[in-house]
């Protein structure tokens, strides 16, 4: 099930990249004087840079955001299951991630794994 969802997300990203690339390539505007020397490169470079920008945005922003959200959900459910305040741990995780980025995320996860009580039977 997870593999199917991951493939679907990847296909949506590729489709969106192709759509944006096509839209950029379809624009027909007058070129400024400085661009006339590079006119043969513009149809190739424009869509390529848009696709590359989208891919970098996915890699450096969307994927870490999705991972952080999934970790927040896991910590909340695990804390509630163990009789602790899940929202407190999620807020701690969010604040640490905002101020210390990935290091804060890792530190809060390690602290939770060290201090979490055993499961109640």
N, C-alpha and C. Protein backbone atom coordinates (compact mmCIF):
# COMPACT_ATOMS: atom_id res chain seq x y z
N UNK A 1 0.82 -1.20 0.00
CA UNK A 1 0.00 0.00 0.00
C UNK A 1 0.87 1.26 0.00
N UNK A 2 1.94 1.27 0.84
CA UNK A 2 2.81 2.43 0.90
C UNK A 2 3.55 2.62 -0.42
N UNK A 3 3.97 1.53 -1.03
CA UNK A 3 4.68 1.62 -2.29
C UNK A 3 3.79 2.23 -3.37
N UNK A 4 2.55 1.83 -3.38
CA UNK A 4 1.61 2.36 -4.36
C UNK A 4 1.41 3.87 -4.17
N UNK A 5 1.30 4.29 -2.91
CA UNK A 5 1.13 5.71 -2.61
C UNK A 5 2.38 6.49 -2.99
N UNK A 6 3.56 5.95 -2.72
CA UNK A 6 4.80 6.63 -3.07
C UNK A 6 4.94 6.78 -4.58
N UNK A 7 4.57 5.73 -5.31
CA UNK A 7 4.63 5.80 -6.76
C UNK A 7 3.64 6.85 -7.28
N UNK A 8 2.46 6.91 -6.68
CA UNK A 8 1.46 7.90 -7.08
C UNK A 8 1.97 9.32 -6.83
N UNK A 9 2.59 9.55 -5.68
CA UNK A 9 3.14 10.88 -5.37
C UNK A 9 4.25 11.24 -6.35
N UNK A 10 5.12 10.28 -6.65
CA UNK A 10 6.19 10.52 -7.60
C UNK A 10 5.63 10.84 -8.99
N UNK A 11 4.63 10.11 -9.41
CA UNK A 11 4.02 10.36 -10.72
C UNK A 11 3.35 11.74 -10.77
N UNK A 12 2.72 12.14 -9.65
CA UNK A 12 2.10 13.47 -9.60
C UNK A 12 3.17 14.56 -9.71
N UNK A 13 4.32 14.36 -9.06
CA UNK A 13 5.41 15.34 -9.13
C UNK A 13 5.94 15.44 -10.56
N UNK A 14 6.11 14.30 -11.21
CA UNK A 14 6.60 14.30 -12.59
C UNK A 14 5.59 14.98 -13.50
N UNK A 15 4.31 14.67 -13.32
CA UNK A 15 3.26 15.28 -14.14
C UNK A 15 3.21 16.78 -13.95
N UNK A 16 3.34 17.23 -12.70
CA UNK A 16 3.34 18.66 -12.42
C UNK A 16 4.55 19.34 -13.04
N UNK A 17 5.70 18.68 -12.97
CA UNK A 17 6.91 19.23 -13.59
C UNK A 17 6.74 19.35 -15.09
N UNK A 18 6.18 18.32 -15.72
CA UNK A 18 5.96 18.38 -17.16
C UNK A 18 4.95 19.47 -17.53
N UNK A 19 3.92 19.63 -16.71
CA UNK A 19 2.91 20.66 -16.97
C UNK A 19 3.53 22.05 -16.89
N UNK A 20 4.31 22.30 -15.84
CA UNK A 20 4.96 23.60 -15.69
C UNK A 20 5.95 23.83 -16.83
N UNK A 21 6.69 22.81 -17.19
CA UNK A 21 7.65 22.92 -18.28
C UNK A 21 6.96 23.27 -19.59
N UNK A 22 5.85 22.61 -19.86
CA UNK A 22 5.11 22.88 -21.09
C UNK A 22 4.55 24.30 -21.09
N UNK A 23 4.06 24.74 -19.94
CA UNK A 23 3.51 26.10 -19.86
C UNK A 23 4.59 27.14 -20.09
N UNK A 24 5.76 26.92 -19.55
CA UNK A 24 6.86 27.88 -19.74
C UNK A 24 7.32 27.86 -21.19
N UNK A 25 7.37 26.69 -21.77
CA UNK A 25 7.84 26.56 -23.14
C UNK A 25 6.84 27.17 -24.12
N UNK A 26 5.57 27.17 -23.78
CA UNK A 26 4.54 27.66 -24.69
C UNK A 26 4.44 29.17 -24.74
N UNK A 27 5.10 29.86 -23.83
CA UNK A 27 5.02 31.32 -23.81
C UNK A 27 5.71 31.89 -25.04
N UNK A 28 5.06 32.84 -25.68
CA UNK A 28 5.60 33.45 -26.88
C UNK A 28 5.65 34.96 -26.67
N UNK A 29 6.77 35.44 -26.17
CA UNK A 29 6.91 36.86 -25.89
C UNK A 29 8.10 37.41 -26.67
N UNK A 30 8.13 38.71 -26.78
CA UNK A 30 9.27 39.37 -27.43
C UNK A 30 10.49 39.21 -26.55
N UNK A 31 11.62 38.91 -27.17
CA UNK A 31 12.85 38.77 -26.42
C UNK A 31 13.53 40.13 -26.27
N UNK A 32 14.10 40.39 -25.10
CA UNK A 32 14.87 41.63 -24.96
C UNK A 32 16.14 41.56 -25.82
N UNK A 33 16.78 42.72 -26.03
CA UNK A 33 17.96 42.77 -26.90
C UNK A 33 19.09 41.88 -26.41
N UNK A 34 19.30 41.83 -25.11
CA UNK A 34 20.40 41.02 -24.59
C UNK A 34 20.17 39.54 -24.82
N UNK A 35 18.91 39.13 -24.96
CA UNK A 35 18.60 37.71 -25.11
C UNK A 35 18.69 37.24 -26.55
N UNK A 36 18.80 38.16 -27.51
CA UNK A 36 18.83 37.73 -28.90
C UNK A 36 20.06 36.90 -29.22
N UNK A 37 21.17 37.13 -28.52
CA UNK A 37 22.37 36.32 -28.74
C UNK A 37 22.19 34.89 -28.23
N UNK A 38 21.31 34.72 -27.28
CA UNK A 38 21.11 33.40 -26.66
C UNK A 38 19.76 32.79 -27.05
N UNK A 39 19.19 33.25 -28.16
CA UNK A 39 17.84 32.84 -28.52
C UNK A 39 17.69 31.35 -28.72
N UNK A 40 18.75 30.68 -29.15
CA UNK A 40 18.63 29.23 -29.34
C UNK A 40 18.65 28.47 -28.02
N UNK A 41 19.13 29.09 -26.96
CA UNK A 41 19.20 28.42 -25.66
C UNK A 41 17.93 28.63 -24.83
N UNK A 42 17.19 29.69 -25.07
CA UNK A 42 16.03 30.02 -24.25
C UNK A 42 14.96 28.93 -24.26
N UNK A 43 14.58 28.36 -25.42
CA UNK A 43 13.57 27.29 -25.38
C UNK A 43 14.03 26.05 -24.62
N UNK A 44 15.32 25.84 -24.53
CA UNK A 44 15.84 24.67 -23.83
C UNK A 44 16.04 24.96 -22.35
N UNK A 45 16.62 26.10 -22.05
CA UNK A 45 16.97 26.42 -20.67
C UNK A 45 15.77 26.75 -19.79
N UNK A 46 14.78 27.46 -20.32
CA UNK A 46 13.62 27.87 -19.51
C UNK A 46 12.92 26.70 -18.85
N UNK A 47 12.41 25.76 -19.63
CA UNK A 47 11.72 24.61 -19.03
C UNK A 47 12.63 23.76 -18.15
N UNK A 48 13.89 23.66 -18.54
CA UNK A 48 14.83 22.87 -17.74
C UNK A 48 15.01 23.49 -16.37
N UNK A 49 15.18 24.81 -16.32
CA UNK A 49 15.37 25.48 -15.04
C UNK A 49 14.11 25.42 -14.17
N UNK A 50 12.94 25.52 -14.80
CA UNK A 50 11.70 25.41 -14.04
C UNK A 50 11.57 24.00 -13.45
N UNK A 51 11.85 22.99 -14.26
CA UNK A 51 11.79 21.61 -13.76
C UNK A 51 12.80 21.36 -12.65
N UNK A 52 14.00 21.89 -12.83
CA UNK A 52 15.04 21.74 -11.81
C UNK A 52 14.65 22.47 -10.53
N UNK A 53 14.06 23.65 -10.68
CA UNK A 53 13.62 24.40 -9.50
C UNK A 53 12.53 23.66 -8.74
N UNK A 54 11.60 23.06 -9.48
CA UNK A 54 10.54 22.28 -8.84
C UNK A 54 11.12 21.06 -8.13
N UNK A 55 12.05 20.38 -8.76
CA UNK A 55 12.66 19.20 -8.15
C UNK A 55 13.42 19.58 -6.88
N UNK A 56 14.15 20.67 -6.93
CA UNK A 56 14.88 21.12 -5.74
C UNK A 56 13.93 21.52 -4.63
N UNK A 57 12.81 22.15 -5.00
CA UNK A 57 11.80 22.52 -4.02
C UNK A 57 11.24 21.28 -3.33
N UNK A 58 10.99 20.24 -4.11
CA UNK A 58 10.50 18.99 -3.53
C UNK A 58 11.52 18.38 -2.59
N UNK A 59 12.77 18.34 -3.02
CA UNK A 59 13.81 17.69 -2.23
C UNK A 59 14.11 18.46 -0.95
N UNK A 60 14.22 19.78 -1.03
CA UNK A 60 14.67 20.55 0.13
C UNK A 60 13.55 21.12 0.98
N UNK A 61 12.30 21.06 0.51
CA UNK A 61 11.22 21.63 1.29
C UNK A 61 10.09 20.64 1.56
N UNK A 62 9.53 20.09 0.52
CA UNK A 62 8.35 19.24 0.69
C UNK A 62 8.65 17.92 1.39
N UNK A 63 9.69 17.24 0.97
CA UNK A 63 10.00 15.94 1.56
C UNK A 63 10.35 16.07 3.05
N UNK A 64 11.23 17.00 3.46
CA UNK A 64 11.47 17.15 4.90
C UNK A 64 10.21 17.57 5.68
N UNK A 65 9.35 18.38 5.05
CA UNK A 65 8.12 18.78 5.72
C UNK A 65 7.21 17.57 5.94
N UNK A 66 7.08 16.73 4.94
CA UNK A 66 6.26 15.52 5.07
C UNK A 66 6.84 14.59 6.13
N UNK A 67 8.17 14.44 6.15
CA UNK A 67 8.81 13.60 7.16
C UNK A 67 8.56 14.16 8.55
N UNK A 68 8.68 15.48 8.73
CA UNK A 68 8.44 16.09 10.04
C UNK A 68 6.99 15.90 10.49
N UNK A 69 6.05 16.03 9.57
CA UNK A 69 4.63 15.82 9.91
C UNK A 69 4.39 14.38 10.33
N UNK A 70 4.97 13.43 9.61
CA UNK A 70 4.81 12.02 9.98
C UNK A 70 5.43 11.72 11.34
N UNK A 71 6.56 12.33 11.64
CA UNK A 71 7.19 12.13 12.95
C UNK A 71 6.33 12.75 14.05
N UNK A 72 5.74 13.91 13.79
CA UNK A 72 4.83 14.53 14.76
C UNK A 72 3.65 13.61 15.06
N UNK A 73 3.07 13.03 14.02
CA UNK A 73 1.95 12.12 14.21
C UNK A 73 2.38 10.91 15.02
N UNK A 74 3.55 10.35 14.71
CA UNK A 74 4.04 9.17 15.43
C UNK A 74 4.28 9.49 16.91
N UNK A 75 4.95 10.62 17.19
CA UNK A 75 5.23 10.98 18.59
C UNK A 75 3.93 11.22 19.34
N UNK A 76 2.97 11.89 18.72
CA UNK A 76 1.70 12.17 19.38
C UNK A 76 0.98 10.86 19.74
N UNK A 77 0.87 9.97 18.77
CA UNK A 77 0.17 8.70 19.03
C UNK A 77 0.91 7.85 20.05
N UNK A 78 2.24 7.82 19.97
CA UNK A 78 3.02 7.02 20.91
C UNK A 78 2.92 7.59 22.32
N UNK A 79 2.97 8.91 22.46
CA UNK A 79 2.87 9.53 23.79
C UNK A 79 1.49 9.29 24.39
N UNK A 80 0.44 9.46 23.59
CA UNK A 80 -0.92 9.22 24.10
C UNK A 80 -1.11 7.77 24.50
N UNK A 81 -0.54 6.87 23.73
CA UNK A 81 -0.66 5.44 24.03
C UNK A 81 0.05 5.09 25.33
N UNK A 82 1.09 5.83 25.65
CA UNK A 82 1.87 5.56 26.87
C UNK A 82 1.42 6.40 28.05
N UNK A 83 0.35 7.16 27.90
CA UNK A 83 -0.19 7.92 29.02
C UNK A 83 0.45 9.27 29.24
N UNK A 84 1.17 9.79 28.26
CA UNK A 84 1.80 11.11 28.36
C UNK A 84 1.03 12.10 27.49
N UNK A 85 1.36 13.38 27.64
CA UNK A 85 0.68 14.41 26.86
C UNK A 85 1.33 14.50 25.48
N UNK A 86 0.61 14.00 24.49
CA UNK A 86 1.14 13.97 23.14
C UNK A 86 1.33 15.35 22.54
N UNK A 87 0.40 16.26 22.85
CA UNK A 87 0.47 17.60 22.28
C UNK A 87 1.70 18.35 22.79
N UNK A 88 2.10 18.11 24.03
CA UNK A 88 3.29 18.74 24.57
C UNK A 88 4.54 18.31 23.80
N UNK A 89 4.64 17.03 23.49
CA UNK A 89 5.79 16.53 22.74
C UNK A 89 5.78 17.03 21.30
N UNK A 90 4.61 17.15 20.71
CA UNK A 90 4.52 17.67 19.35
C UNK A 90 4.93 19.14 19.33
N UNK A 91 4.47 19.92 20.30
CA UNK A 91 4.88 21.33 20.35
C UNK A 91 6.38 21.47 20.56
N UNK A 92 6.94 20.63 21.43
CA UNK A 92 8.38 20.63 21.64
C UNK A 92 9.12 20.30 20.36
N UNK A 93 8.61 19.32 19.62
CA UNK A 93 9.22 18.93 18.36
C UNK A 93 9.15 20.07 17.34
N UNK A 94 8.01 20.73 17.26
CA UNK A 94 7.84 21.83 16.30
C UNK A 94 8.77 22.99 16.63
N UNK A 95 8.82 23.38 17.90
CA UNK A 95 9.68 24.50 18.31
C UNK A 95 11.15 24.17 18.07
N UNK A 96 11.56 22.96 18.44
CA UNK A 96 12.96 22.56 18.24
C UNK A 96 13.30 22.52 16.75
N UNK A 97 12.36 22.07 15.94
CA UNK A 97 12.62 22.00 14.50
C UNK A 97 12.69 23.39 13.89
N UNK A 98 11.86 24.30 14.36
CA UNK A 98 11.89 25.68 13.84
C UNK A 98 13.22 26.36 14.18
N UNK A 99 13.68 26.19 15.42
CA UNK A 99 14.89 26.89 15.84
C UNK A 99 16.18 26.17 15.47
N UNK A 100 16.16 24.83 15.44
CA UNK A 100 17.41 24.10 15.20
C UNK A 100 17.37 23.19 13.99
N UNK A 101 16.30 23.30 13.17
CA UNK A 101 16.14 22.56 11.94
C UNK A 101 16.23 21.05 12.18
N UNK A 102 16.97 20.33 11.38
CA UNK A 102 17.00 18.86 11.45
C UNK A 102 17.64 18.40 12.76
N UNK A 103 18.58 19.17 13.29
CA UNK A 103 19.23 18.80 14.55
C UNK A 103 18.21 18.81 15.69
N UNK A 104 17.34 19.80 15.73
CA UNK A 104 16.30 19.86 16.76
C UNK A 104 15.34 18.70 16.65
N UNK A 105 14.99 18.33 15.42
CA UNK A 105 14.11 17.18 15.19
C UNK A 105 14.73 15.91 15.74
N UNK A 106 15.99 15.70 15.43
CA UNK A 106 16.69 14.49 15.89
C UNK A 106 16.83 14.48 17.41
N UNK A 107 17.16 15.62 18.00
CA UNK A 107 17.34 15.68 19.46
C UNK A 107 16.03 15.35 20.18
N UNK A 108 14.92 15.90 19.73
CA UNK A 108 13.63 15.62 20.38
C UNK A 108 13.26 14.14 20.22
N UNK A 109 13.50 13.57 19.07
CA UNK A 109 13.21 12.14 18.87
C UNK A 109 14.05 11.30 19.82
N UNK A 110 15.33 11.61 19.93
CA UNK A 110 16.21 10.84 20.83
C UNK A 110 15.76 11.01 22.29
N UNK A 111 15.42 12.23 22.69
CA UNK A 111 14.95 12.46 24.06
C UNK A 111 13.68 11.67 24.32
N UNK A 112 12.74 11.68 23.36
CA UNK A 112 11.50 10.92 23.55
C UNK A 112 11.79 9.43 23.68
N UNK A 113 12.67 8.91 22.86
CA UNK A 113 12.99 7.48 22.92
C UNK A 113 13.67 7.12 24.25
N UNK A 114 14.38 8.06 24.85
CA UNK A 114 15.06 7.80 26.13
C UNK A 114 14.13 7.90 27.33
N UNK A 115 13.19 8.85 27.31
CA UNK A 115 12.37 9.10 28.49
C UNK A 115 10.98 8.50 28.43
N UNK A 116 10.58 7.94 27.33
CA UNK A 116 9.21 7.43 27.22
C UNK A 116 9.01 6.25 28.16
N UNK A 117 7.87 6.23 28.82
CA UNK A 117 7.59 5.13 29.74
C UNK A 117 7.19 3.86 28.97
N UNK A 118 7.23 2.72 29.64
CA UNK A 118 6.81 1.49 28.96
C UNK A 118 5.31 1.51 28.69
N UNK A 119 4.89 0.71 27.74
CA UNK A 119 3.48 0.61 27.41
C UNK A 119 2.67 0.07 28.57
N UNK A 120 1.51 0.65 28.77
CA UNK A 120 0.62 0.15 29.83
C UNK A 120 -0.15 -1.05 29.29
N UNK A 121 -0.13 -2.11 30.05
CA UNK A 121 -0.78 -3.36 29.62
C UNK A 121 -2.21 -3.34 29.83
